[in-house]
């Protein structure tokens, strides 16, 4: 594998209509989870990615597993749990700028993951480990698994990429802040959003935030600024990379996962840091134009066409 990641993916139900979900009667069924969104994004760009997890030994879990496998992600280290269900969540789209997510994941199969779900030999042959801040929020055992994965990655020389992926609904704020800061300190590369940086450090200025993450232990920080692009920081330099304006945002959920996939893809291809961030901006922008977590993730040809647009700041 080029990259290994781990975490929970759930069954996603989205109403066929917009507005309050209480009035919805029909739903589409899809699958979504930050780590598999990221993994599928990399797979579509031609990279080899493995995902470690648990799903319920139920029909929804088997459908989920078949879907992720069909997208080119290695699922050989995913376990079917006969004693717990596959998690589900609902996405309520009231408008393009008002999207609510409701989770039904307590006690799910993935929340029962432990350090024993990790395969050291499997991790050791990868180049990157991608860690999401969602996984340690699921349970004490998932938190222990996250730390164990980072320890193994460090032991075998993998580059650890950490996306804080703050989900306030999942755990107490103080516990979230303490845990995410500890993980950020151990990561080689941190990919925070502006609001996540403000939550962790109480600072909203991008330049100050970038430096705070570096001082905290990261070697590289890429601060996501939404449609404004991103600003990367290393110990030697920093640079702001403009984003791409999208005329009509259809669904913003999953854009951050696409950003992470585009960025790591650029690193795997040996691009300079600025170009890797530029690719990340492009993938994130493309994702927002399609409804669904993974449906808008581009393939190489899509990125090429995007780069050749006459006005690279506008997607039409």
C-alpha atoms as a PDB file:
ATOM      1  CA  UNK A   1       0.000   0.000   0.000  1.00  0.00           C
ATOM      2  CA  UNK A   2       1.011   3.628  -0.564  1.00  0.00           C
ATOM      3  CA  UNK A   3      -1.285   4.688   2.284  1.00  0.00           C
ATOM      4  CA  UNK A   4      -3.086   2.908   5.113  1.00  0.00           C
ATOM      5  CA  UNK A   5      -5.946   4.439   7.077  1.00  0.00           C
ATOM      6  CA  UNK A   6      -8.486   3.226   9.624  1.00  0.00           C
ATOM      7  CA  UNK A   7     -11.831   4.315  11.032  1.00  0.00           C
ATOM      8  CA  UNK A   8     -15.581   4.010  10.762  1.00  0.00           C
ATOM      9  CA  UNK A   9     -17.627   4.152   7.585  1.00  0.00           C
ATOM     10  CA  UNK A  10     -21.396   4.140   7.831  1.00  0.00           C
ATOM     11  CA  UNK A  11     -24.493   3.783   5.734  1.00  0.00           C
ATOM     12  CA  UNK A  12     -25.721   7.200   4.639  1.00  0.00           C
ATOM     13  CA  UNK A  13     -29.393   7.976   4.060  1.00  0.00           C
ATOM     14  CA  UNK A  14     -30.221  11.267   2.335  1.00  0.00           C
ATOM     15  CA  UNK A  15     -33.792  12.518   1.778  1.00  0.00           C
ATOM     16  CA  UNK A  16     -34.785  12.892  -1.855  1.00  0.00           C
ATOM     17  CA  UNK A  17     -36.215  16.304  -0.949  1.00  0.00           C
ATOM     18  CA  UNK A  18     -34.684  19.387   0.642  1.00  0.00           C
ATOM     19  CA  UNK A  19     -35.949  21.048   3.788  1.00  0.00           C
ATOM     20  CA  UNK A  20     -36.704  19.620   7.215  1.00  0.00           C
ATOM     21  CA  UNK A  21     -36.112  15.873   7.316  1.00  0.00           C
ATOM     22  CA  UNK A  22     -39.336  15.410   9.269  1.00  0.00           C
ATOM     23  CA  UNK A  23     -41.210  15.858   5.978  1.00  0.00           C
ATOM     24  CA  UNK A  24     -39.071  13.383   4.003  1.00  0.00           C
ATOM     25  CA  UNK A  25     -40.590  10.065   2.940  1.00  0.00           C
ATOM     26  CA  UNK A  26     -38.040   8.694   0.472  1.00  0.00           C
ATOM     27  CA  UNK A  27     -34.270   8.403   0.873  1.00  0.00           C
ATOM     28  CA  UNK A  28     -31.264   7.419  -1.188  1.00  0.00           C
ATOM     29  CA  UNK A  29     -28.788   5.009   0.376  1.00  0.00           C
ATOM     30  CA  UNK A  30     -25.093   5.638   0.040  1.00  0.00           C
ATOM     31  CA  UNK A  31     -21.974   5.100   2.149  1.00  0.00           C
ATOM     32  CA  UNK A  32     -19.737   7.635   3.825  1.00  0.00           C
ATOM     33  CA  UNK A  33     -16.925   8.006   6.300  1.00  0.00           C
ATOM     34  CA  UNK A  34     -14.017  10.406   6.415  1.00  0.00           C
ATOM     35  CA  UNK A  35     -11.338   7.736   6.106  1.00  0.00           C
ATOM     36  CA  UNK A  36     -12.933   5.858   3.196  1.00  0.00           C
ATOM     37  CA  UNK A  37     -13.782   9.139   1.462  1.00  0.00           C
ATOM     38  CA  UNK A  38     -10.068   9.886   1.649  1.00  0.00           C
ATOM     39  CA  UNK A  39      -9.086   6.364   0.601  1.00  0.00           C
ATOM     40  CA  UNK A  40     -11.449   6.315  -2.379  1.00  0.00           C
ATOM     41  CA  UNK A  41     -10.181   9.742  -3.425  1.00  0.00           C
ATOM     42  CA  UNK A  42      -6.631   8.398  -3.526  1.00  0.00           C
ATOM     43  CA  UNK A  43      -7.661   5.193  -5.285  1.00  0.00           C
ATOM     44  CA  UNK A  44      -9.358   7.183  -8.052  1.00  0.00           C
ATOM     45  CA  UNK A  45      -6.108   9.061  -8.550  1.00  0.00           C
ATOM     46  CA  UNK A  46      -4.260   5.784  -9.047  1.00  0.00           C
ATOM     47  CA  UNK A  47      -2.761   5.116  -5.626  1.00  0.00           C
ATOM     48  CA  UNK A  48      -2.831   1.909  -3.552  1.00  0.00           C
ATOM     49  CA  UNK A  49      -4.739   2.386  -0.329  1.00  0.00           C
ATOM     50  CA  UNK A  50      -5.718   0.054   2.503  1.00  0.00           C
ATOM     51  CA  UNK A  51      -8.497   0.564   5.051  1.00  0.00           C
ATOM     52  CA  UNK A  52      -8.698  -1.085   8.495  1.00  0.00           C
ATOM     53  CA  UNK A  53     -12.051  -1.229  10.258  1.00  0.00           C
ATOM     54  CA  UNK A  54     -14.982  -3.270  11.503  1.00  0.00           C
ATOM     55  CA  UNK A  55     -18.496  -3.418  10.076  1.00  0.00           C
ATOM     56  CA  UNK A  56     -21.507  -5.344  11.276  1.00  0.00           C
ATOM     57  CA  UNK A  57     -21.984  -8.867   9.991  1.00  0.00           C
ATOM     58  CA  UNK A  58     -25.269  -7.695   8.511  1.00  0.00           C
ATOM     59  CA  UNK A  59     -26.619  -6.854   5.078  1.00  0.00           C
ATOM     60  CA  UNK A  60     -25.713  -3.177   5.335  1.00  0.00           C
ATOM     61  CA  UNK A  61     -22.178  -4.028   6.442  1.00  0.00           C
ATOM     62  CA  UNK A  62     -21.705  -6.450   3.568  1.00  0.00           C
ATOM     63  CA  UNK A  63     -23.033  -3.896   1.092  1.00  0.00           C
ATOM     64  CA  UNK A  64     -20.686  -1.265   2.522  1.00  0.00           C
ATOM     65  CA  UNK A  65     -17.705  -3.590   2.267  1.00  0.00           C
ATOM     66  CA  UNK A  66     -18.532  -4.485  -1.333  1.00  0.00           C
ATOM     67  CA  UNK A  67     -18.844  -0.806  -2.224  1.00  0.00           C
ATOM     68  CA  UNK A  68     -15.479   0.219  -0.759  1.00  0.00           C
ATOM     69  CA  UNK A  69     -13.795  -2.815  -2.329  1.00  0.00           C
ATOM     70  CA  UNK A  70     -15.374  -1.937  -5.652  1.00  0.00           C
ATOM     71  CA  UNK A  71     -13.830   1.526  -5.486  1.00  0.00           C
ATOM     72  CA  UNK A  72     -10.358  -0.009  -5.490  1.00  0.00           C
ATOM     73  CA  UNK A  73      -9.557   0.205  -1.773  1.00  0.00           C
ATOM     74  CA  UNK A  74      -8.008  -2.860  -0.116  1.00  0.00           C
ATOM     75  CA  UNK A  75     -10.387  -4.097   2.607  1.00  0.00           C
ATOM     76  CA  UNK A  76      -8.539  -7.291   3.525  1.00  0.00           C
ATOM     77  CA  UNK A  77      -8.065  -5.995   7.097  1.00  0.00           C
ATOM     78  CA  UNK A  78     -11.730  -5.147   7.701  1.00  0.00           C
ATOM     79  CA  UNK A  79     -13.516  -7.478  10.127  1.00  0.00           C
ATOM     80  CA  UNK A  80     -17.160  -8.493  10.136  1.00  0.00           C
ATOM     81  CA  UNK A  81     -18.469  -8.180  13.694  1.00  0.00           C
ATOM     82  CA  UNK A  82     -21.354 -10.579  14.459  1.00  0.00           C
ATOM     83  CA  UNK A  83     -22.219  -8.854  17.737  1.00  0.00           C
ATOM     84  CA  UNK A  84     -22.665  -5.208  16.712  1.00  0.00           C
ATOM     85  CA  UNK A  85     -24.422  -3.369  13.867  1.00  0.00           C
ATOM     86  CA  UNK A  86     -23.085  -1.228  11.076  1.00  0.00           C
ATOM     87  CA  UNK A  87     -23.479   2.467  11.936  1.00  0.00           C
ATOM     88  CA  UNK A  88     -25.836   4.711   9.992  1.00  0.00           C
ATOM     89  CA  UNK A  89     -26.334   8.443   9.602  1.00  0.00           C
ATOM     90  CA  UNK A  90     -28.709  10.836   7.900  1.00  0.00           C
ATOM     91  CA  UNK A  91     -27.811  13.955   5.947  1.00  0.00           C
ATOM     92  CA  UNK A  92     -30.452  16.690   5.965  1.00  0.00           C
ATOM     93  CA  UNK A  93     -29.932  19.263   3.203  1.00  0.00           C
ATOM     94  CA  UNK A  94     -32.086  22.308   3.943  1.00  0.00           C
ATOM     95  CA  UNK A  95     -30.115  24.429   1.477  1.00  0.00           C
ATOM     96  CA  UNK A  96     -26.635  24.476  -0.071  1.00  0.00           C
ATOM     97  CA  UNK A  97     -25.321  26.334   2.971  1.00  0.00           C
ATOM     98  CA  UNK A  98     -27.394  24.550   5.609  1.00  0.00           C
ATOM     99  CA  UNK A  99     -26.565  20.843   5.878  1.00  0.00           C
ATOM    100  CA  UNK A 100     -27.206  18.860   9.069  1.00  0.00           C
ATOM    101  CA  UNK A 101     -25.863  15.399   9.878  1.00  0.00           C
ATOM    102  CA  UNK A 102     -27.511  13.051  12.378  1.00  0.00           C
ATOM    103  CA  UNK A 103     -25.530  10.028  13.635  1.00  0.00           C
ATOM    104  CA  UNK A 104     -26.825   6.662  14.849  1.00  0.00           C
ATOM    105  CA  UNK A 105     -23.483   5.037  15.557  1.00  0.00           C
ATOM    106  CA  UNK A 106     -23.337   4.406  19.319  1.00  0.00           C
ATOM    107  CA  UNK A 107     -22.369   0.785  19.948  1.00  0.00           C
ATOM    108  CA  UNK A 108     -21.587   0.199  16.281  1.00  0.00           C
ATOM    109  CA  UNK A 109     -19.152  -2.455  15.112  1.00  0.00           C
ATOM    110  CA  UNK A 110     -16.486   0.143  14.348  1.00  0.00           C
ATOM    111  CA  UNK A 111     -16.752   1.650  17.828  1.00  0.00           C
ATOM    112  CA  UNK A 112     -15.553  -1.737  19.138  1.00  0.00           C
ATOM    113  CA  UNK A 113     -12.219  -1.550  17.318  1.00  0.00           C
ATOM    114  CA  UNK A 114      -9.134  -2.140  19.477  1.00  0.00           C
ATOM    115  CA  UNK A 115      -5.344  -2.104  18.974  1.00  0.00           C
ATOM    116  CA  UNK A 116      -5.726  -5.797  18.177  1.00  0.00           C
ATOM    117  CA  UNK A 117      -7.381  -4.853  14.875  1.00  0.00           C
ATOM    118  CA  UNK A 118      -4.052  -3.474  13.645  1.00  0.00           C
ATOM    119  CA  UNK A 119      -1.742  -5.646  11.546  1.00  0.00           C
ATOM    120  CA  UNK A 120       1.825  -4.445  12.110  1.00  0.00           C
ATOM    121  CA  UNK A 121       3.198  -6.129   9.002  1.00  0.00           C
ATOM    122  CA  UNK A 122       0.451  -4.574   6.891  1.00  0.00           C
ATOM    123  CA  UNK A 123       1.199  -1.098   8.244  1.00  0.00           C
ATOM    124  CA  UNK A 124       4.955  -1.493   7.941  1.00  0.00           C
ATOM    125  CA  UNK A 125       4.954  -1.753   4.156  1.00  0.00           C
ATOM    126  CA  UNK A 126       3.082   1.530   3.592  1.00  0.00           C
ATOM    127  CA  UNK A 127       4.533   4.991   3.038  1.00  0.00           C
ATOM    128  CA  UNK A 128       1.868   7.045   4.813  1.00  0.00           C
ATOM    129  CA  UNK A 129      -0.554   6.520   7.684  1.00  0.00           C
ATOM    130  CA  UNK A 130      -3.638   8.747   7.536  1.00  0.00           C
ATOM    131  CA  UNK A 131      -5.256   9.438  10.910  1.00  0.00           C
ATOM    132  CA  UNK A 132      -8.601  11.152  11.441  1.00  0.00           C
ATOM    133  CA  UNK A 133      -9.649  12.797  14.690  1.00  0.00           C
ATOM    134  CA  UNK A 134     -13.029  11.100  14.396  1.00  0.00           C
ATOM    135  CA  UNK A 135     -11.795   7.633  15.309  1.00  0.00           C
ATOM    136  CA  UNK A 136     -10.537   8.413  18.838  1.00  0.00           C
ATOM    137  CA  UNK A 137     -13.919  10.016  19.581  1.00  0.00           C
ATOM    138  CA  UNK A 138     -15.801   6.736  19.070  1.00  0.00           C
ATOM    139  CA  UNK A 139     -14.705   4.887  22.227  1.00  0.00           C
ATOM    140  CA  UNK A 140     -11.852   4.328  24.652  1.00  0.00           C
ATOM    141  CA  UNK A 141     -10.687   1.311  22.645  1.00  0.00           C
ATOM    142  CA  UNK A 142     -10.725   3.322  19.410  1.00  0.00           C
ATOM    143  CA  UNK A 143      -8.663   5.985  21.134  1.00  0.00           C
ATOM    144  CA  UNK A 144      -6.143   3.343  22.195  1.00  0.00           C
ATOM    145  CA  UNK A 145      -6.110   1.962  18.655  1.00  0.00           C
ATOM    146  CA  UNK A 146      -5.342   5.416  17.241  1.00  0.00           C
ATOM    147  CA  UNK A 147      -2.348   5.821  19.527  1.00  0.00           C
ATOM    148  CA  UNK A 148      -1.152   2.288  18.768  1.00  0.00           C
ATOM    149  CA  UNK A 149      -1.344   2.940  15.019  1.00  0.00           C
ATOM    150  CA  UNK A 150       0.770   6.091  15.323  1.00  0.00           C
ATOM    151  CA  UNK A 151       3.307   4.262  17.473  1.00  0.00           C
ATOM    152  CA  UNK A 152       3.631   1.490  14.870  1.00  0.00           C
ATOM    153  CA  UNK A 153       3.896   4.036  12.059  1.00  0.00           C
ATOM    154  CA  UNK A 154       6.727   5.826  13.842  1.00  0.00           C
ATOM    155  CA  UNK A 155       8.458   2.509  14.492  1.00  0.00           C
ATOM    156  CA  UNK A 156       8.465   1.652  10.789  1.00  0.00           C
ATOM    157  CA  UNK A 157       9.213   5.093   9.385  1.00  0.00           C
ATOM    158  CA  UNK A 158       5.822   5.986   7.899  1.00  0.00           C
ATOM    159  CA  UNK A 159       4.834   9.611   7.471  1.00  0.00           C
ATOM    160  CA  UNK A 160       1.852  10.314   9.729  1.00  0.00           C
ATOM    161  CA  UNK A 161      -0.789  12.639   8.275  1.00  0.00           C
ATOM    162  CA  UNK A 162      -3.399  13.878  10.757  1.00  0.00           C
ATOM    163  CA  UNK A 163      -6.708  15.567   9.956  1.00  0.00           C
ATOM    164  CA  UNK A 164      -8.342  16.765  13.222  1.00  0.00           C
ATOM    165  CA  UNK A 165     -11.825  16.325  11.709  1.00  0.00           C
ATOM    166  CA  UNK A 166     -13.467  17.808  14.791  1.00  0.00           C
ATOM    167  CA  UNK A 167     -16.914  16.346  15.542  1.00  0.00           C
ATOM    168  CA  UNK A 168     -18.275  18.102  18.636  1.00  0.00           C
ATOM    169  CA  UNK A 169     -21.352  15.871  18.705  1.00  0.00           C
ATOM    170  CA  UNK A 170     -19.221  12.823  19.485  1.00  0.00           C
ATOM    171  CA  UNK A 171     -17.417  13.779  22.691  1.00  0.00           C
ATOM    172  CA  UNK A 172     -16.943  16.417  25.406  1.00  0.00           C
ATOM    173  CA  UNK A 173     -15.080  19.476  24.186  1.00  0.00           C
ATOM    174  CA  UNK A 174     -12.281  19.337  26.752  1.00  0.00           C
ATOM    175  CA  UNK A 175     -11.593  15.688  26.011  1.00  0.00           C
ATOM    176  CA  UNK A 176     -11.661  16.428  22.292  1.00  0.00           C
ATOM    177  CA  UNK A 177      -9.215  19.331  22.649  1.00  0.00           C
ATOM    178  CA  UNK A 178      -6.792  17.369  24.825  1.00  0.00           C
ATOM    179  CA  UNK A 179      -6.818  14.302  22.569  1.00  0.00           C
ATOM    180  CA  UNK A 180      -6.567  16.165  19.263  1.00  0.00           C
ATOM    181  CA  UNK A 181      -3.698  18.313  20.511  1.00  0.00           C
ATOM    182  CA  UNK A 182      -1.840  15.189  21.633  1.00  0.00           C
ATOM    183  CA  UNK A 183      -2.309  13.574  18.234  1.00  0.00           C
ATOM    184  CA  UNK A 184      -1.305  16.735  16.355  1.00  0.00           C
ATOM    185  CA  UNK A 185       1.934  16.841  18.355  1.00  0.00           C
ATOM    186  CA  UNK A 186       2.847  13.354  17.105  1.00  0.00           C
ATOM    187  CA  UNK A 187       1.946  13.859  13.455  1.00  0.00           C
ATOM    188  CA  UNK A 188       4.413  14.779  10.722  1.00  0.00           C
ATOM    189  CA  UNK A 189       1.744  16.613   8.702  1.00  0.00           C
ATOM    190  CA  UNK A 190      -1.396  18.239  10.127  1.00  0.00           C
ATOM    191  CA  UNK A 191      -4.361  19.309   7.975  1.00  0.00           C
ATOM    192  CA  UNK A 192      -6.590  21.503  10.169  1.00  0.00           C
ATOM    193  CA  UNK A 193      -9.456  23.708   9.122  1.00  0.00           C
ATOM    194  CA  UNK A 194      -9.523  27.268  10.368  1.00  0.00           C
ATOM    195  CA  UNK A 195     -12.344  26.570  12.845  1.00  0.00           C
ATOM    196  CA  UNK A 196     -10.503  23.495  14.155  1.00  0.00           C
ATOM    197  CA  UNK A 197      -7.373  25.525  14.720  1.00  0.00           C
ATOM    198  CA  UNK A 198      -9.383  28.119  16.594  1.00  0.00           C
ATOM    199  CA  UNK A 199     -10.963  25.367  18.728  1.00  0.00           C
ATOM    200  CA  UNK A 200      -7.572  23.888  19.598  1.00  0.00           C
ATOM    201  CA  UNK A 201      -5.536  27.044  20.178  1.00  0.00           C
ATOM    202  CA  UNK A 202      -8.072  29.854  20.635  1.00  0.00           C
ATOM    203  CA  UNK A 203      -6.461  31.672  17.712  1.00  0.00           C
ATOM    204  CA  UNK A 204      -8.159  32.706  14.442  1.00  0.00           C
ATOM    205  CA  UNK A 205      -5.309  34.399  12.577  1.00  0.00           C
ATOM    206  CA  UNK A 206      -4.054  31.929   9.912  1.00  0.00           C
ATOM    207  CA  UNK A 207      -0.403  32.965  10.187  1.00  0.00           C
ATOM    208  CA  UNK A 208      -0.375  32.627  13.958  1.00  0.00           C
ATOM    209  CA  UNK A 209      -2.259  29.319  13.784  1.00  0.00           C
ATOM    210  CA  UNK A 210       0.214  27.800  11.357  1.00  0.00           C
ATOM    211  CA  UNK A 211       3.096  28.697  13.618  1.00  0.00           C
ATOM    212  CA  UNK A 212       1.292  27.367  16.706  1.00  0.00           C
ATOM    213  CA  UNK A 213       0.918  23.929  15.097  1.00  0.00           C
ATOM    214  CA  UNK A 214       4.605  23.924  14.144  1.00  0.00           C
ATOM    215  CA  UNK A 215       5.619  24.907  17.647  1.00  0.00           C
ATOM    216  CA  UNK A 216       3.379  22.123  18.938  1.00  0.00           C
ATOM    217  CA  UNK A 217       5.367  19.485  17.050  1.00  0.00           C
ATOM    218  CA  UNK A 218       4.210  19.161  13.439  1.00  0.00           C
ATOM    219  CA  UNK A 219       6.765  19.331  10.640  1.00  0.00           C
ATOM    220  CA  UNK A 220       4.259  20.562   8.055  1.00  0.00           C
ATOM    221  CA  UNK A 221       0.875  22.259   8.477  1.00  0.00           C
ATOM    222  CA  UNK A 222      -1.660  22.846   5.726  1.00  0.00           C
ATOM    223  CA  UNK A 223      -4.389  25.161   7.000  1.00  0.00           C
ATOM    224  CA  UNK A 224      -7.611  24.728   5.018  1.00  0.00           C
ATOM    225  CA  UNK A 225      -9.440  27.985   4.308  1.00  0.00           C
ATOM    226  CA  UNK A 226     -12.453  26.641   2.394  1.00  0.00           C
ATOM    227  CA  UNK A 227     -13.130  28.440  -0.871  1.00  0.00           C
ATOM    228  CA  UNK A 228     -10.289  30.780   0.092  1.00  0.00           C
ATOM    229  CA  UNK A 229      -7.749  28.028  -0.602  1.00  0.00           C
ATOM    230  CA  UNK A 230      -5.078  26.934   1.854  1.00  0.00           C
ATOM    231  CA  UNK A 231      -1.910  28.169   3.526  1.00  0.00           C
ATOM    232  CA  UNK A 232       0.939  25.734   4.127  1.00  0.00           C
ATOM    233  CA  UNK A 233       3.674  26.107   6.713  1.00  0.00           C
ATOM    234  CA  UNK A 234       6.972  24.296   7.181  1.00  0.00           C
ATOM    235  CA  UNK A 235       9.862  25.118   9.467  1.00  0.00           C
ATOM    236  CA  UNK A 236      11.607  26.796   6.529  1.00  0.00           C
ATOM    237  CA  UNK A 237       8.810  28.625   4.699  1.00  0.00           C
ATOM    238  CA  UNK A 238       5.113  29.249   4.287  1.00  0.00           C
ATOM    239  CA  UNK A 239       2.930  30.118   1.308  1.00  0.00           C
ATOM    240  CA  UNK A 240      -0.707  30.915   0.624  1.00  0.00           C
ATOM    241  CA  UNK A 241      -2.255  28.970  -2.283  1.00  0.00           C
ATOM    242  CA  UNK A 242      -5.493  30.494  -3.670  1.00  0.00           C
ATOM    243  CA  UNK A 243      -8.559  28.315  -3.990  1.00  0.00           C
ATOM    244  CA  UNK A 244     -11.036  27.777  -6.802  1.00  0.00           C
ATOM    245  CA  UNK A 245     -14.381  29.514  -6.779  1.00  0.00           C
ATOM    246  CA  UNK A 246     -17.354  27.268  -7.413  1.00  0.00           C
ATOM    247  CA  UNK A 247     -20.434  28.926  -8.918  1.00  0.00           C
ATOM    248  CA  UNK A 248     -22.853  26.593  -7.170  1.00  0.00           C
ATOM    249  CA  UNK A 249     -22.036  24.463  -4.142  1.00  0.00           C
ATOM    250  CA  UNK A 250     -24.293  21.393  -4.175  1.00  0.00           C
ATOM    251  CA  UNK A 251     -22.959  19.522  -1.139  1.00  0.00           C
ATOM    252  CA  UNK A 252     -19.972  20.685   0.947  1.00  0.00           C
ATOM    253  CA  UNK A 253     -19.713  17.447   2.972  1.00  0.00           C
ATOM    254  CA  UNK A 254     -16.620  15.469   2.001  1.00  0.00           C
ATOM    255  CA  UNK A 255     -14.681  18.409   0.567  1.00  0.00           C
ATOM    256  CA  UNK A 256     -12.116  18.232   3.374  1.00  0.00           C
ATOM    257  CA  UNK A 257     -11.587  14.518   2.739  1.00  0.00           C
ATOM    258  CA  UNK A 258     -11.110  15.256  -0.953  1.00  0.00           C
ATOM    259  CA  UNK A 259      -8.621  17.979  -0.043  1.00  0.00           C
ATOM    260  CA  UNK A 260      -6.619  15.491   2.037  1.00  0.00           C
ATOM    261  CA  UNK A 261      -6.671  12.925  -0.780  1.00  0.00           C
ATOM    262  CA  UNK A 262      -5.495  15.476  -3.330  1.00  0.00           C
ATOM    263  CA  UNK A 263      -2.699  16.660  -1.059  1.00  0.00           C
ATOM    264  CA  UNK A 264      -1.345  13.200  -0.224  1.00  0.00           C
ATOM    265  CA  UNK A 265      -1.647  12.241  -3.902  1.00  0.00           C
ATOM    266  CA  UNK A 266       0.569  15.203  -4.757  1.00  0.00           C
ATOM    267  CA  UNK A 267       3.151  14.107  -2.194  1.00  0.00           C
ATOM    268  CA  UNK A 268       3.099  10.545  -3.532  1.00  0.00           C
ATOM    269  CA  UNK A 269       3.683  11.922  -7.032  1.00  0.00           C
ATOM    270  CA  UNK A 270       6.661  13.922  -5.784  1.00  0.00           C
ATOM    271  CA  UNK A 271       5.115  17.338  -6.405  1.00  0.00           C
ATOM    272  CA  UNK A 272       6.530  20.408  -4.685  1.00  0.00           C
ATOM    273  CA  UNK A 273       4.539  21.400  -1.606  1.00  0.00           C
ATOM    274  CA  UNK A 274       2.796  24.312  -3.338  1.00  0.00           C
ATOM    275  CA  UNK A 275       1.636  22.089  -6.203  1.00  0.00           C
ATOM    276  CA  UNK A 276       0.434  19.385  -3.820  1.00  0.00           C
ATOM    277  CA  UNK A 277      -1.676  21.993  -1.995  1.00  0.00           C
ATOM    278  CA  UNK A 278      -2.935  23.306  -5.328  1.00  0.00           C
ATOM    279  CA  UNK A 279      -4.063  19.792  -6.256  1.00  0.00           C
ATOM    280  CA  UNK A 280      -5.751  19.521  -2.858  1.00  0.00           C
ATOM    281  CA  UNK A 281      -7.655  22.754  -3.491  1.00  0.00           C
ATOM    282  CA  UNK A 282      -8.789  21.466  -6.864  1.00  0.00           C
ATOM    283  CA  UNK A 283     -10.070  18.141  -5.565  1.00  0.00           C
ATOM    284  CA  UNK A 284     -11.867  19.813  -2.665  1.00  0.00           C
ATOM    285  CA  UNK A 285     -13.596  22.247  -5.017  1.00  0.00           C
ATOM    286  CA  UNK A 286     -14.690  19.541  -7.442  1.00  0.00           C
ATOM    287  CA  UNK A 287     -16.223  17.475  -4.628  1.00  0.00           C
ATOM    288  CA  UNK A 288     -18.554  20.312  -3.594  1.00  0.00           C
ATOM    289  CA  UNK A 289     -20.323  20.287  -6.966  1.00  0.00           C
ATOM    290  CA  UNK A 290     -21.807  16.802  -6.534  1.00  0.00           C
ATOM    291  CA  UNK A 291     -24.275  15.461  -3.968  1.00  0.00           C
ATOM    292  CA  UNK A 292     -22.714  12.703  -1.865  1.00  0.00           C
ATOM    293  CA  UNK A 293     -19.517  12.119   0.061  1.00  0.00           C
ATOM    294  CA  UNK A 294     -17.552  10.276  -2.646  1.00  0.00           C
ATOM    295  CA  UNK A 295     -19.548  10.733  -5.844  1.00  0.00           C
ATOM    296  CA  UNK A 296     -17.655  13.876  -6.833  1.00  0.00           C
ATOM    297  CA  UNK A 297     -14.134  12.620  -6.151  1.00  0.00           C
ATOM    298  CA  UNK A 298     -12.242  13.071  -9.438  1.00  0.00           C
ATOM    299  CA  UNK A 299     -10.072  10.756 -11.480  1.00  0.00           C
ATOM    300  CA  UNK A 300      -6.825  11.886 -13.095  1.00  0.00           C
ATOM    301  CA  UNK A 301      -8.555  12.924 -16.308  1.00  0.00           C
ATOM    302  CA  UNK A 302     -10.956  15.135 -14.356  1.00  0.00           C
ATOM    303  CA  UNK A 303      -8.074  16.906 -12.653  1.00  0.00           C
ATOM    304  CA  UNK A 304      -6.337  17.408 -15.987  1.00  0.00           C
ATOM    305  CA  UNK A 305      -9.445  18.967 -17.527  1.00  0.00           C
ATOM    306  CA  UNK A 306      -9.856  21.130 -14.458  1.00  0.00           C
ATOM    307  CA  UNK A 307      -6.280  22.423 -14.751  1.00  0.00           C
ATOM    308  CA  UNK A 308      -6.830  23.289 -18.408  1.00  0.00           C
ATOM    309  CA  UNK A 309      -9.899  25.490 -17.768  1.00  0.00           C
ATOM    310  CA  UNK A 310      -9.379  28.925 -19.415  1.00  0.00           C
ATOM    311  CA  UNK A 311     -10.124  30.632 -16.088  1.00  0.00           C
ATOM    312  CA  UNK A 312      -8.702  28.375 -13.399  1.00  0.00           C
ATOM    313  CA  UNK A 313     -10.482  30.322 -10.674  1.00  0.00           C
ATOM    314  CA  UNK A 314     -13.952  29.373 -11.912  1.00  0.00           C
ATOM    315  CA  UNK A 315     -15.653  25.989 -12.321  1.00  0.00           C
ATOM    316  CA  UNK A 316     -18.724  26.123 -14.539  1.00  0.00           C
END
